[in-house]
Protein backbone atom coordinates (compact mmCIF):
# COMPACT_ATOMS: atom_id res chain seq x y z
CA UNK A 1 181.45 120.97 128.86
CA UNK A 2 179.46 118.10 129.56
CA UNK A 3 175.93 118.18 131.15
CA UNK A 4 175.45 117.47 134.82
CA UNK A 5 172.21 116.01 133.81
CA UNK A 6 173.74 113.21 131.50
CA UNK A 7 172.46 109.76 132.78
CA UNK A 8 175.59 108.22 132.14
CA UNK A 9 179.45 109.21 132.21
CA UNK A 10 181.42 109.91 129.02
CA UNK A 11 183.17 106.10 129.08
CA UNK A 12 180.48 103.61 130.71
CA UNK A 13 181.33 100.23 131.55
CA UNK A 14 179.30 96.91 130.39
CA UNK A 15 177.51 96.69 133.68
CA UNK A 16 176.66 100.23 134.29
CA UNK A 17 174.82 100.03 130.79
CA UNK A 18 173.08 96.62 131.68
CA UNK A 19 171.18 98.61 134.48
CA UNK A 20 170.00 101.24 132.08
CA UNK A 21 168.74 98.87 129.09
CA UNK A 22 165.12 100.03 129.96
CA UNK A 23 165.53 103.88 130.50
CA UNK A 24 163.49 105.09 127.58
CA UNK A 25 165.99 108.33 127.12
CA UNK A 26 168.81 105.95 126.13
CA UNK A 27 169.32 105.10 122.71
CA UNK A 28 171.76 102.57 121.91
CA UNK A 29 173.56 102.50 118.77
CA UNK A 30 175.85 99.66 117.09
CA UNK A 31 177.82 101.26 114.70
CA UNK A 32 180.08 98.31 113.77
CA UNK A 33 182.88 97.80 110.98
CA UNK A 34 181.45 94.64 110.06
CA UNK A 35 177.58 94.49 109.66
CA UNK A 36 177.59 90.87 110.02
CA UNK A 37 178.47 91.47 113.65
CA UNK A 38 175.21 93.03 114.86
CA UNK A 39 173.28 90.30 113.64
CA UNK A 40 175.92 87.66 115.32
CA UNK A 41 174.48 89.63 118.34
CA UNK A 42 174.25 92.83 119.70
CA UNK A 43 172.91 95.11 123.35
CA UNK A 44 169.45 94.63 124.03
CA UNK A 45 167.41 97.25 122.12
CA UNK A 46 170.49 98.67 120.33
CA UNK A 47 169.69 99.76 117.00
CA UNK A 48 172.00 99.46 113.87
CA UNK A 49 173.86 102.15 112.27
CA UNK A 50 175.86 101.88 108.94
CA UNK A 51 179.19 103.52 109.49
CA UNK A 52 179.11 104.92 105.91
CA UNK A 53 176.32 107.23 106.79
CA UNK A 54 178.70 109.26 108.97
CA UNK A 55 180.56 110.36 106.09
CA UNK A 56 179.97 112.29 103.14
CA UNK A 57 180.22 109.75 100.60
CA UNK A 58 180.88 111.73 97.66
CA UNK A 59 183.60 113.94 96.16
CA UNK A 60 187.34 114.26 96.46
CA UNK A 61 187.01 113.81 100.45
CA UNK A 62 184.29 111.32 100.54
CA UNK A 63 184.81 110.99 104.52
CA UNK A 64 184.36 114.79 105.09
CA UNK A 65 181.26 115.80 107.49
CA UNK A 66 177.74 115.28 105.74
CA UNK A 67 176.11 118.61 104.95
CA UNK A 68 173.25 119.47 107.41
CA UNK A 69 170.44 118.00 105.53
CA UNK A 70 172.17 114.64 105.51
CA UNK A 71 172.46 115.01 109.00
CA UNK A 72 169.26 115.47 110.41
CA UNK A 73 168.07 112.83 108.11
CA UNK A 74 170.74 111.05 109.67
CA UNK A 75 169.69 111.85 113.16
CA UNK A 76 165.79 111.70 112.44
CA UNK A 77 166.16 108.00 111.14
CA UNK A 78 167.55 106.67 114.34
CA UNK A 79 165.18 108.80 116.68
CA UNK A 80 167.32 111.16 118.07
CA UNK A 81 165.88 113.95 120.18
CA UNK A 82 167.06 116.66 122.15
CA UNK A 83 166.94 115.00 125.27
CA UNK A 84 167.91 111.33 124.26
CA UNK A 85 171.07 110.22 125.77
CA UNK A 86 173.16 108.08 123.20
CA UNK A 87 175.43 105.58 124.08
CA UNK A 88 177.62 104.29 121.37
CA UNK A 89 180.02 101.00 120.20
CA UNK A 90 181.01 99.29 117.50
CA UNK A 91 183.09 95.55 116.89
CA UNK A 92 186.59 97.17 116.74
CA UNK A 93 187.52 98.84 120.09
CA UNK A 94 185.67 102.11 119.02
CA UNK A 95 186.78 103.93 115.83
CA UNK A 96 183.08 104.07 114.44
CA UNK A 97 181.51 104.66 117.83
CA UNK A 98 184.37 107.82 117.80
CA UNK A 99 183.18 109.49 114.58
CA UNK A 100 179.62 109.22 115.43
CA UNK A 101 179.97 110.62 118.97
CA UNK A 102 182.29 113.25 117.46
CA UNK A 103 179.54 114.11 114.69
CA UNK A 104 177.12 114.52 117.92
CA UNK A 105 179.68 116.81 119.49
CA UNK A 106 179.75 118.54 116.17
CA UNK A 107 175.73 119.34 115.83
CA UNK A 108 175.81 120.40 119.60
CA UNK A 109 174.43 117.01 121.41
CA UNK A 110 176.58 116.38 124.06
CA UNK A 111 174.34 113.55 125.98
CA UNK A 112 176.31 110.54 124.95
CA UNK A 113 178.62 108.00 125.90
CA UNK A 114 181.01 105.55 124.71
CA UNK A 115 180.62 101.64 125.64
CA UNK A 116 183.84 100.72 126.88
CA UNK A 117 185.60 97.92 124.71
CA UNK A 118 182.21 97.78 122.44
CA UNK A 119 180.84 94.52 121.85
CA UNK A 120 184.18 92.42 122.73
CA UNK A 121 183.90 93.94 126.34
CA UNK A 122 180.15 93.26 126.34
CA UNK A 123 180.45 89.66 125.75
CA UNK A 124 183.27 89.13 128.02
CA UNK A 125 181.34 90.25 130.95
CA UNK A 126 178.37 87.94 129.91
CA UNK A 127 176.01 90.69 129.26
CA UNK A 128 172.64 89.62 127.77
CA UNK A 129 172.70 90.06 123.85
CA UNK A 130 170.14 89.82 121.57
CA UNK A 131 169.76 88.81 117.84
CA UNK A 132 166.58 90.52 117.24
CA UNK A 133 167.36 93.90 114.76
CA UNK A 134 165.77 96.62 116.96
CA UNK A 135 163.80 99.35 114.77
CA UNK A 136 164.41 102.88 115.63
CA UNK A 137 161.24 105.40 116.32
CA UNK A 138 162.19 107.93 113.68
CA UNK A 139 161.84 111.68 115.26
CA UNK A 140 162.06 115.06 113.30
CA UNK A 141 165.59 116.18 114.26
CA UNK A 142 166.97 119.13 112.71
CA UNK A 143 170.92 118.84 112.55
CA UNK A 144 173.24 121.57 112.23
CA UNK A 145 176.78 122.30 113.29
CA UNK A 146 176.64 124.03 116.66
CA UNK A 147 179.64 123.53 117.65
CA UNK A 148 182.48 124.27 114.85
CA UNK A 149 185.30 124.48 117.43
CA UNK A 150 185.33 120.34 117.25
CA UNK A 151 186.40 120.31 113.69
CA UNK A 152 189.27 121.63 111.71
CA UNK A 153 189.34 122.35 107.73
CA UNK A 154 192.79 121.86 105.86
CA UNK A 155 193.15 125.95 105.84
CA UNK A 156 193.38 126.34 108.99
CA UNK A 157 195.46 123.94 109.81
CA UNK A 158 198.35 124.91 107.25
CA UNK A 159 198.28 128.28 108.93
CA UNK A 160 198.51 127.08 112.69
CA UNK A 161 201.51 124.40 111.94
CA UNK A 162 203.90 126.12 113.54
CA UNK A 163 201.84 127.53 116.79
CA UNK A 164 203.03 127.17 120.18
CA UNK A 165 200.62 124.74 122.00
CA UNK A 166 199.48 123.44 119.17
CA UNK A 167 199.81 119.71 118.48
CA UNK A 168 198.94 117.06 116.04
CA UNK A 169 198.65 113.42 116.81
CA UNK A 170 198.44 111.13 113.71
CA UNK A 171 196.73 107.85 114.31
CA UNK A 172 197.99 106.06 111.39
CA UNK A 173 200.05 102.91 111.34
CA UNK A 174 203.60 103.66 111.39
CA UNK A 175 204.58 102.60 108.12
CA UNK A 176 201.93 105.53 107.00
CA UNK A 177 203.40 108.09 109.04
CA UNK A 178 206.91 107.54 107.75
CA UNK A 179 205.57 107.48 104.15
CA UNK A 180 206.05 103.65 103.49
CA UNK A 181 202.79 102.93 102.58
CA UNK A 182 199.19 104.16 101.63
CA UNK A 183 197.29 104.94 98.83
CA UNK A 184 197.37 108.43 97.97
CA UNK A 185 199.06 110.72 96.01
CA UNK A 186 201.55 111.87 98.05
CA UNK A 187 202.90 109.91 101.28
CA UNK A 188 204.15 110.76 104.66
CA UNK A 189 202.95 112.93 107.31
CA UNK A 190 202.04 116.76 108.29
CA UNK A 191 204.93 118.43 109.58
CA UNK A 192 205.56 118.39 112.66
CA UNK A 193 202.83 115.59 113.69
CA UNK A 194 203.30 112.88 116.23
CA UNK A 195 202.38 109.49 116.02
CA UNK A 196 200.65 106.91 117.75
CA UNK A 197 198.40 104.40 116.07
CA UNK A 198 195.13 104.22 117.30
CA UNK A 199 195.10 100.49 118.83
CA UNK A 200 198.08 101.94 120.97
CA UNK A 201 195.16 103.51 123.12
CA UNK A 202 193.55 100.49 123.36
CA UNK A 203 194.15 97.57 126.08
CA UNK A 204 193.79 93.84 124.46
CA UNK A 205 194.23 92.73 127.57
CA UNK A 206 190.67 94.29 129.04
CA UNK A 207 188.82 93.43 125.50
CA UNK A 208 189.90 96.45 123.73
CA UNK A 209 188.74 99.20 126.52
CA UNK A 210 190.39 102.09 126.60
CA UNK A 211 194.03 101.51 128.12
CA UNK A 212 194.65 102.95 131.93
CA UNK A 213 194.48 106.51 131.84
CA UNK A 214 197.75 107.35 133.79
CA UNK A 215 199.83 105.52 131.64
CA UNK A 216 198.10 107.12 128.50
CA UNK A 217 198.68 110.23 129.90
CA UNK A 218 202.50 109.60 130.62
CA UNK A 219 202.92 108.01 126.80
CA UNK A 220 201.13 111.12 125.17
CA UNK A 221 203.23 113.20 126.87
CA UNK A 222 206.76 111.65 126.00
CA UNK A 223 205.40 112.30 122.46
CA UNK A 224 205.07 115.83 123.41
CA UNK A 225 201.10 115.66 123.50
CA UNK A 226 199.42 117.26 126.87
CA UNK A 227 196.13 117.85 128.37
CA UNK A 228 196.33 121.80 128.17
CA UNK A 229 197.30 122.12 124.64
CA UNK A 230 195.42 122.35 121.29
CA UNK A 231 194.97 118.81 119.73
CA UNK A 232 193.97 118.03 116.08
CA UNK A 233 193.81 114.15 115.67
CA UNK A 234 193.31 112.81 112.10
CA UNK A 235 193.93 109.28 110.29
CA UNK A 236 193.32 108.51 106.33
CA UNK A 237 189.85 108.86 107.12
CA UNK A 238 188.88 110.39 110.49
CA UNK A 239 186.92 106.83 111.50
CA UNK A 240 190.65 105.47 113.58
CA UNK A 241 191.16 109.23 114.54
CA UNK A 242 187.27 109.24 115.88
CA UNK A 243 188.61 106.79 118.69
CA UNK A 244 191.58 108.88 119.38
CA UNK A 245 189.59 112.01 119.74
CA UNK A 246 187.30 110.26 122.47
CA UNK A 247 189.86 109.26 124.29
CA UNK A 248 191.72 112.57 124.30
CA UNK A 249 187.97 113.73 125.51
CA UNK A 250 188.30 110.92 128.16
CA UNK A 251 191.79 112.31 129.41
CA UNK A 252 190.90 115.39 129.74
CA UNK A 253 192.34 117.11 126.70
CA UNK A 254 189.51 120.07 126.61
CA UNK A 255 190.70 121.30 123.14
CA UNK A 256 191.14 118.44 121.01
CA UNK A 257 189.54 118.81 117.44
CA UNK A 258 189.01 116.41 114.44
CA UNK A 259 190.53 116.83 111.14
CA UNK A 260 187.38 115.04 109.16
CA UNK A 261 189.45 115.27 105.78
CA UNK A 262 192.34 113.87 107.19
CA UNK A 263 195.43 112.17 105.17
CA UNK A 264 192.42 111.71 102.39
CA UNK A 265 192.63 115.11 101.73
CA UNK A 266 195.93 116.24 102.98
CA UNK A 267 197.85 113.55 100.99
CA UNK A 268 196.06 113.92 97.83
CA UNK A 269 196.60 117.61 96.94
CA UNK A 270 199.86 119.30 95.59
CA UNK A 271 199.93 122.46 97.86
CA UNK A 272 199.87 121.01 101.01
CA UNK A 273 203.11 120.15 102.81
CA UNK A 274 204.53 117.15 103.97
CA UNK A 275 207.28 115.64 105.58
CA UNK A 276 208.78 111.96 105.48
C-alpha cells in the first residue's frame, strides 16, 4: 500500500513534476538505455544512473538482484534517505525506470513515482531541460530486502505453475515467446504464460506514456490477466518486465511480482519446463 504522505502519485505527468523541481525531498533519477540521452538533455536536477548497477552483473544469472551490500552502496551513492521521494524516468518508455522502482519496492522504499513517458514526454511538453550533470549528495543508506513478496524465485515459480489465480505475463517479443528467436540454450516460454509485449502497454501517439488504463485492463483481461490474480511478469532480464510490473501496479494489480531471473535463467537450464 502506498503511503498517504507521498509527495507525488505513482504515475506523474511532466507538468506535475515541473511544479516540484525545487522540492528538497525529491530525488529525480534518469536511468536511460543510452547514456548519451542524459548528456543531450535531462530534467533539471536529475542525476544519472547507469542501469547496469541495478543488476548483479556476474554469474549464470547476471540480471539477478544485487546483494544487500551492492544495493546499499548503490542507493547511498545516489543520496537516497528514508524521507526521499524518488522520481524515475528513462529514454525508452519505462523499462529501466520500472526496474529501478521495482528494486525500491523490494527494499521497502515506497516513496516513488514514474515520470509518464520519460524524457520523450518531458520534451514534447516543452518542459525545461539541463545538459549540466547533477552530482548526488551521498548518504548512508542501508538496503536490505524488506519486501521479498514483490519478487519470485525460480523454485517457487516451478511449484506454482498450475495454481488457480496465478498467472505469468511474458513481456518479450512474440517471436521470443514462440521460441523462434533468442540466445538461450532453450527457446520458448514458461508453461501457461501469456504474451503481451511490453511496448504494447505504451502509447506511441502520446510520447510513450502508459496507454489508456481502461483499454489496457480490457486487453489484459482478454489475455486472462485480471487485477485480482497473482501475476508474475518477466522478460529476458527483468528490464522490459520492469515496465510491465509498473503498469500492473498502476492498474491496481496488487499482487504483481517480478521474476528477476527471467528467461536468462529459465531458458538456460535443463530442469525448467518449457512450452513452444
